[in-house]
Amino acid sequence: MNQSILFPDLQEWNEALQAVVFPAQQSGALIECVVSLSRLKLLSHRDDLTAEQALDCFSDLRFDLEEMAEEAIEDEEFNSLGQVEL
């Protein structure tokens, strides 16, 4: 794991995006990372996953999601808003 990218223990459900949003920090810059409910369903193999369960599912998959976000940040795979979408 790259020590120059840090992931604070913060996350929130974004109803408009239907996604969990969590921050990463690289060299002092804050990067918003987004993982959609549909992606969480796919990664957790739970077709019945609801928005209410999304944060718990995110917590269960946190390590893997942080690794995916780290790779995307290192590869500079940002969307037009400067976010990393998983």
Protein backbone atom coordinates (compact mmCIF):
# COMPACT_ATOMS: atom_id res chain seq x y z
CA MET A 1 0.00 0.00 0.00
CA ASN A 2 1.27 3.44 -0.94
CA GLN A 3 1.88 5.45 2.23
CA SER A 4 1.50 8.75 0.37
CA ILE A 5 -2.23 8.07 -0.12
CA LEU A 6 -4.23 8.11 3.09
CA PHE A 7 -7.86 7.12 3.65
CA PRO A 8 -9.50 8.69 6.71
CA ASP A 9 -12.21 6.63 8.35
CA LEU A 10 -14.96 8.78 6.82
CA GLN A 11 -17.72 7.83 4.44
CA GLU A 12 -21.24 8.93 3.69
CA TRP A 13 -24.19 7.83 1.64
CA ASN A 14 -25.06 10.23 -1.18
CA GLU A 15 -28.71 9.74 -2.06
CA ALA A 16 -28.54 11.77 -5.29
CA LEU A 17 -25.63 9.69 -6.60
CA GLN A 18 -26.89 6.43 -5.07
CA ALA A 19 -23.31 5.90 -3.94
CA VAL A 20 -20.97 5.89 -0.97
CA VAL A 21 -18.56 8.82 -1.06
CA PHE A 22 -15.27 8.62 0.82
CA PRO A 23 -12.13 10.79 0.87
CA ALA A 24 -8.53 10.02 0.04
CA GLN A 25 -5.65 12.32 0.74
CA GLN A 26 -2.53 12.50 -1.42
CA SER A 27 0.22 15.02 -0.70
CA GLY A 28 -2.26 17.18 1.18
CA ALA A 29 -4.83 17.16 -1.63
CA LEU A 30 -8.29 15.82 -0.83
CA ILE A 31 -9.68 13.46 -3.46
CA GLU A 32 -13.32 12.39 -3.42
CA CYS A 33 -13.86 8.71 -4.18
CA VAL A 34 -17.25 7.34 -5.19
CA VAL A 35 -18.51 3.77 -5.26
CA SER A 36 -22.03 3.23 -6.58
CA LEU A 37 -24.64 0.97 -5.05
CA SER A 38 -24.59 -1.17 -8.18
CA ARG A 39 -20.81 -1.62 -7.85
CA LEU A 40 -21.19 -2.55 -4.17
CA LYS A 41 -23.82 -5.14 -5.17
CA LEU A 42 -21.43 -6.60 -7.71
CA LEU A 43 -18.44 -6.71 -5.37
CA SER A 44 -20.41 -8.13 -2.44
CA HIS A 45 -22.37 -10.62 -4.58
CA ARG A 46 -25.56 -9.29 -2.99
CA ASP A 47 -28.29 -8.45 -5.48
CA ASP A 48 -30.61 -7.55 -2.61
CA LEU A 49 -28.33 -4.85 -1.17
CA THR A 50 -30.28 -1.70 -0.33
CA ALA A 51 -29.22 1.90 0.12
CA GLU A 52 -29.73 1.49 3.87
CA GLN A 53 -27.20 -1.36 3.89
CA ALA A 54 -24.65 0.36 1.64
CA LEU A 55 -22.49 1.83 4.42
CA ASP A 56 -22.24 -1.50 6.23
CA CYS A 57 -21.33 -3.20 2.96
CA PHE A 58 -18.74 -0.47 2.29
CA SER A 59 -17.20 -1.14 5.71
CA ASP A 60 -17.00 -4.86 4.94
CA LEU A 61 -15.25 -4.13 1.63
CA ARG A 62 -13.25 -1.09 2.77
CA PHE A 63 -9.78 -2.59 2.34
CA ASP A 64 -10.47 -3.76 -1.22
CA LEU A 65 -12.18 -0.49 -2.16
CA GLU A 66 -9.27 1.54 -0.80
CA GLU A 67 -6.86 -0.55 -2.87
CA MET A 68 -8.97 0.04 -5.98
CA ALA A 69 -9.12 3.77 -5.27
CA GLU A 70 -5.37 3.89 -4.65
CA GLU A 71 -4.66 2.28 -8.03
CA ALA A 72 -7.04 4.70 -9.77
CA ILE A 73 -5.38 7.69 -8.07
CA GLU A 74 -1.90 6.48 -8.99
CA ASP A 75 -3.06 5.99 -12.61
CA GLU A 76 -4.71 9.46 -12.50
CA GLU A 77 -8.10 8.05 -13.47
CA PHE A 78 -10.18 11.06 -12.43
CA ASN A 79 -13.58 12.00 -13.83
CA SER A 80 -14.38 15.53 -15.04
CA LEU A 81 -15.12 16.58 -11.44
CA GLY A 82 -11.75 15.34 -10.17
CA GLN A 83 -13.31 12.33 -8.45
CA VAL A 84 -12.31 8.70 -8.56
CA GLU A 85 -15.24 6.50 -9.52
CA LEU A 86 -14.97 2.82 -8.68
